[in-house]
N, C-alpha and C. Protein backbone atom coordinates (compact mmCIF):
# COMPACT_ATOMS: atom_id res chain seq x y z
N UNK A 1 0.71 -1.31 0.24
CA UNK A 1 -0.08 0.28 -0.22
C UNK A 1 0.46 1.48 0.11
N UNK A 2 0.76 2.36 -1.12
CA UNK A 2 1.48 3.57 -1.19
C UNK A 2 0.35 4.55 -0.12
N UNK A 3 1.69 5.04 1.02
CA UNK A 3 1.52 6.17 1.46
C UNK A 3 1.86 7.51 0.50
N UNK A 4 0.64 8.19 0.75
CA UNK A 4 0.71 9.85 -0.12
C UNK A 4 2.04 10.74 0.21
N UNK A 5 2.49 10.52 1.91
CA UNK A 5 3.59 11.07 2.55
C UNK A 5 5.56 10.63 1.53
N UNK A 6 5.18 9.33 1.88
CA UNK A 6 6.14 8.33 0.76
C UNK A 6 5.79 8.98 -0.47
N UNK A 7 4.71 9.15 -1.01
CA UNK A 7 5.30 9.12 -2.67
C UNK A 7 5.66 10.60 -2.52
N UNK A 8 5.35 11.59 -2.01
CA UNK A 8 5.34 13.31 -2.06
C UNK A 8 7.21 13.13 -1.84
N UNK A 9 7.54 12.69 -1.05
CA UNK A 9 9.06 12.46 -0.27
C UNK A 9 9.41 11.86 -2.20
N UNK A 10 9.42 10.93 -2.12
CA UNK A 10 10.15 10.20 -3.39
C UNK A 10 10.23 11.38 -4.54
N UNK A 11 9.38 11.82 -4.99
CA UNK A 11 8.93 12.88 -5.72
C UNK A 11 9.78 14.38 -6.08
N UNK A 12 9.98 14.88 -4.40
CA UNK A 12 10.72 15.65 -3.97
C UNK A 12 12.05 15.40 -3.90
N UNK A 13 12.29 14.50 -3.68
CA UNK A 13 13.89 14.16 -3.71
C UNK A 13 14.41 13.71 -5.13
N UNK A 14 13.59 12.83 -6.26
CA UNK A 14 13.95 13.11 -7.22
C UNK A 14 14.25 14.34 -8.16
N UNK A 15 13.65 15.21 -7.39
CA UNK A 15 13.27 16.85 -8.21
C UNK A 15 14.35 17.53 -7.61
N UNK A 16 15.02 16.71 -6.34
CA UNK A 16 16.36 17.70 -5.79
C UNK A 16 15.77 18.86 -4.86
N UNK A 17 14.42 18.98 -4.64
CA UNK A 17 14.10 19.72 -3.26
C UNK A 17 14.21 19.59 -1.84
N UNK A 18 14.21 20.53 -1.30
CA UNK A 18 14.62 20.16 0.17
C UNK A 18 13.42 20.46 0.62
N UNK A 19 13.44 19.62 2.07
CA UNK A 19 11.97 19.53 2.75
C UNK A 19 11.88 21.26 3.55
N UNK A 20 12.82 21.52 3.65
CA UNK A 20 12.96 23.11 3.84
C UNK A 20 12.14 23.77 2.78
N UNK A 21 12.93 23.96 1.78
CA UNK A 21 11.70 24.54 0.42
C UNK A 21 10.60 24.57 0.35
N UNK A 22 10.34 22.93 0.28
CA UNK A 22 8.88 22.75 0.24
C UNK A 22 8.08 23.61 1.09
N UNK A 23 8.46 23.47 2.63
CA UNK A 23 7.27 23.98 3.94
C UNK A 23 7.80 25.66 3.60
N UNK A 24 8.75 26.11 3.23
CA UNK A 24 9.11 27.61 2.68
C UNK A 24 7.61 28.48 2.02
N UNK A 25 7.74 27.17 0.88
CA UNK A 25 6.29 27.50 -0.36
C UNK A 25 5.46 27.45 0.44
N UNK A 26 4.79 26.45 1.23
CA UNK A 26 3.81 25.94 1.75
C UNK A 26 3.38 27.11 2.81
N UNK A 27 4.54 27.98 3.02
CA UNK A 27 4.11 28.78 4.40
C UNK A 27 4.22 28.02 6.03
N UNK A 28 5.11 26.88 5.73
CA UNK A 28 4.89 26.21 7.08
C UNK A 28 6.61 25.56 7.75
N UNK A 29 6.22 25.16 9.14
CA UNK A 29 7.78 24.67 9.00
C UNK A 29 8.25 23.86 8.93
N UNK A 30 9.72 23.51 8.85
CA UNK A 30 10.47 22.15 8.08
C UNK A 30 9.64 21.22 8.90
N UNK A 31 9.57 21.42 10.15
CA UNK A 31 8.85 20.15 11.11
C UNK A 31 7.69 19.16 10.63
N UNK A 32 6.79 20.54 10.55
CA UNK A 32 5.37 20.37 10.44
C UNK A 32 5.96 19.52 8.98
N UNK A 33 6.17 19.36 7.86
CA UNK A 33 6.42 19.12 6.47
C UNK A 33 6.84 18.15 6.68
N UNK A 34 8.16 17.78 7.39
CA UNK A 34 8.48 16.36 7.83
C UNK A 34 7.60 14.95 8.60
N UNK A 35 6.47 15.52 9.12
CA UNK A 35 5.88 15.00 9.47
C UNK A 35 4.91 14.22 8.40
N UNK A 36 4.36 15.46 7.66
CA UNK A 36 3.28 15.25 6.30
C UNK A 36 4.35 13.98 5.59
N UNK A 37 5.12 14.18 4.85
CA UNK A 37 6.30 12.99 4.85
C UNK A 37 6.21 11.94 5.67
N UNK A 38 5.58 11.91 6.65
CA UNK A 38 5.84 10.73 7.97
C UNK A 38 5.21 9.85 7.49
N UNK A 39 3.87 10.65 7.20
CA UNK A 39 2.27 9.94 7.17
C UNK A 39 2.41 10.46 8.45
N UNK A 40 2.75 11.04 9.19
CA UNK A 40 2.40 11.17 11.07
C UNK A 40 1.14 12.48 11.38
N UNK A 41 0.81 13.21 10.07
CA UNK A 41 -0.10 13.92 9.88
C UNK A 41 -1.11 14.57 8.83
N UNK A 42 -2.09 14.22 8.84
CA UNK A 42 -2.89 14.49 7.84
C UNK A 42 -2.97 15.35 6.80
N UNK A 43 -2.66 15.45 5.79
CA UNK A 43 -2.69 16.45 4.57
C UNK A 43 -3.77 16.61 4.10
N UNK A 44 -4.34 17.99 3.87
CA UNK A 44 -5.66 18.43 2.97
C UNK A 44 -5.65 18.60 2.00
N UNK A 45 -6.77 18.11 1.46
CA UNK A 45 -6.80 18.49 0.10
C UNK A 45 -6.19 19.71 -0.82
N UNK A 46 -6.95 21.17 0.17
CA UNK A 46 -5.81 22.13 -0.60
C UNK A 46 -3.91 22.17 -0.46
N UNK A 47 -3.58 21.61 0.59
CA UNK A 47 -2.67 21.76 0.94
C UNK A 47 -1.65 20.47 -0.31
N UNK A 48 -2.99 19.66 -0.71
CA UNK A 48 -2.11 18.32 -1.76
C UNK A 48 -2.01 19.66 -2.97
N UNK A 49 -3.00 19.83 -3.35
CA UNK A 49 -3.18 20.48 -4.40
C UNK A 49 -1.73 21.77 -4.79
N UNK A 50 -1.68 22.37 -3.58
CA UNK A 50 -0.19 23.34 -3.38
C UNK A 50 0.92 22.14 -3.36
N UNK A 51 1.31 21.31 -2.67
CA UNK A 51 2.32 20.88 -2.80
C UNK A 51 2.43 20.01 -4.48
N UNK A 52 1.45 19.53 -5.08
CA UNK A 52 1.29 19.26 -6.36
C UNK A 52 2.06 20.33 -7.85
N UNK A 53 1.38 21.56 -6.97
CA UNK A 53 1.74 22.78 -8.04
C UNK A 53 3.28 22.99 -7.76
N UNK A 54 3.61 23.17 -6.81
CA UNK A 54 4.98 23.32 -5.97
C UNK A 54 6.24 22.31 -6.67
N UNK A 55 5.58 21.19 -6.72
CA UNK A 55 6.38 19.84 -7.45
C UNK A 55 6.49 19.99 -8.86
N UNK A 56 5.48 19.98 -9.21
CA UNK A 56 4.98 20.40 -10.80
C UNK A 56 4.56 19.09 -11.17
N UNK A 57 3.48 18.68 -10.63
CA UNK A 57 3.39 17.07 -10.82
C UNK A 57 1.48 17.45 -11.24
N UNK A 58 1.04 16.35 -11.71
CA UNK A 58 -0.02 16.15 -11.10
C UNK A 58 -0.60 15.51 -9.87
N UNK A 59 -2.09 16.02 -9.70
CA UNK A 59 -2.30 15.15 -7.86
C UNK A 59 -2.21 14.05 -8.15
N UNK A 60 -2.27 13.18 -9.07
CA UNK A 60 -2.48 12.09 -9.39
C UNK A 60 -1.35 10.97 -9.21
N UNK A 61 -0.32 11.80 -9.03
CA UNK A 61 1.13 11.41 -9.11
C UNK A 61 1.32 11.21 -7.28
N UNK A 62 0.85 12.32 -6.64
CA UNK A 62 1.40 12.09 -5.11
C UNK A 62 0.11 11.21 -4.90
N UNK A 63 -0.89 10.87 -5.15
CA UNK A 63 -1.97 9.94 -4.70
C UNK A 63 -0.99 8.63 -4.84
N UNK A 64 -0.52 8.53 -6.19
CA UNK A 64 -0.59 7.30 -7.02
C UNK A 64 -1.21 6.72 -7.54
N UNK A 65 -2.63 7.29 -8.05
CA UNK A 65 -3.63 6.15 -7.62
C UNK A 65 -3.67 6.00 -9.72
N UNK A 66 -3.05 6.47 -10.45
CA UNK A 66 -3.40 6.74 -12.06
C UNK A 66 -4.77 6.18 -12.83
N UNK A 67 -4.76 5.77 -13.82
CA UNK A 67 -5.57 5.24 -14.20
C UNK A 67 -6.81 4.29 -14.42
N UNK A 68 -6.17 3.30 -13.51
CA UNK A 68 -6.89 2.42 -12.96
C UNK A 68 -8.16 2.95 -11.80
N UNK A 69 -7.74 3.57 -10.98
CA UNK A 69 -9.16 4.17 -10.06
C UNK A 69 -9.98 5.08 -10.84
N UNK A 70 -9.49 5.84 -12.02
CA UNK A 70 -10.25 6.69 -13.00
C UNK A 70 -11.16 5.64 -13.78
N UNK A 71 -10.51 4.98 -14.38
CA UNK A 71 -11.25 3.60 -15.08
C UNK A 71 -12.75 2.81 -14.18
N UNK A 72 -12.78 2.95 -13.22
CA UNK A 72 -13.39 2.09 -12.17
C UNK A 72 -14.04 3.31 -11.69
N UNK A 73 -13.74 4.04 -10.74
CA UNK A 73 -14.70 5.34 -10.44
C UNK A 73 -15.71 5.95 -11.48
N UNK A 74 -15.66 6.15 -12.94
CA UNK A 74 -16.67 6.96 -14.03
C UNK A 74 -17.24 5.88 -13.70
N UNK A 75 -17.29 4.82 -14.28
CA UNK A 75 -18.75 4.44 -14.75
C UNK A 75 -19.60 3.77 -13.39
N UNK A 76 -19.09 3.88 -12.50
CA UNK A 76 -19.24 4.19 -10.84
C UNK A 76 -20.86 5.41 -10.94
N UNK A 77 -20.09 6.50 -11.68
CA UNK A 77 -20.35 7.66 -11.60
C UNK A 77 -22.09 8.15 -12.52
N UNK A 78 -21.34 7.56 -13.54
CA UNK A 78 -21.83 7.52 -14.54
C UNK A 78 -23.20 6.54 -14.53
N UNK A 79 -23.08 5.38 -14.15
CA UNK A 79 -23.83 4.53 -13.55
C UNK A 79 -25.61 5.14 -12.26
N UNK A 80 -24.61 6.06 -11.38
CA UNK A 80 -25.40 6.73 -10.82
C UNK A 80 -26.24 7.99 -11.63
N UNK A 81 -25.67 8.38 -11.98
CA UNK A 81 -26.38 9.85 -12.73
C UNK A 81 -27.24 8.97 -13.91
N UNK A 82 -26.78 7.91 -14.63
CA UNK A 82 -28.31 7.39 -15.50
C UNK A 82 -29.51 7.23 -14.54
N UNK A 83 -28.96 6.46 -13.36
CA UNK A 83 -30.07 6.07 -12.94
C UNK A 83 -31.10 7.25 -12.14
N UNK A 84 -30.58 8.11 -11.99
CA UNK A 84 -31.25 9.57 -11.41
C UNK A 84 -31.40 10.17 -12.89
N UNK A 85 -31.39 10.15 -14.00
CA UNK A 85 -31.73 10.51 -14.77
C UNK A 85 -32.94 9.76 -15.37
N UNK A 86 -32.70 8.70 -15.13
CA UNK A 86 -33.78 7.55 -15.80
C UNK A 86 -35.28 7.50 -14.57
N UNK A 87 -35.15 7.82 -13.30
CA UNK A 87 -36.29 8.25 -12.65
C UNK A 87 -36.64 9.32 -13.03
N UNK A 88 -35.70 10.62 -13.20
CA UNK A 88 -36.64 11.89 -13.94
C UNK A 88 -37.38 11.66 -14.77
N UNK A 89 -36.92 10.78 -16.13
CA UNK A 89 -37.86 10.50 -17.21
C UNK A 89 -39.12 9.72 -16.53
N UNK A 90 -38.91 8.62 -15.75
CA UNK A 90 -39.85 7.90 -15.10
C UNK A 90 -41.24 9.04 -15.32
N UNK A 91 -40.44 9.73 -14.09
CA UNK A 91 -41.68 10.69 -13.39
C UNK A 91 -42.89 11.47 -14.48
N UNK A 92 -41.85 12.00 -15.09
CA UNK A 92 -42.35 12.52 -16.02
C UNK A 92 -42.90 11.70 -17.31
N UNK A 93 -42.85 10.90 -17.36
CA UNK A 93 -43.93 10.03 -18.02
C UNK A 93 -45.18 9.85 -17.37
N UNK A 94 -44.78 9.78 -16.27
CA UNK A 94 -46.50 9.09 -15.59
C UNK A 94 -47.65 10.34 -15.28
N UNK A 95 -46.96 11.85 -15.68
CA UNK A 95 -47.76 12.69 -15.38
C UNK A 95 -48.91 13.39 -17.03
């Protein structure tokens, strides 16, 4: 199982950025940022987008989800929408 903090650290190191650099860009101290990379604190979605922007990466690479997850979730969302659409059509035809 991949952890977000591990993925962020791996990409940060690959790009040659220090923890201090990323923390400064985020407006937090290095200690707080280090906890994030060690998965000792939760990361907000807003902060995750900021980290992705600083690292010039897509957020999916930080989450390490790739196309596998999206190919699963899109049909689920489409199915849910279709059910609502079908229900609406049925209601209209009864009146």
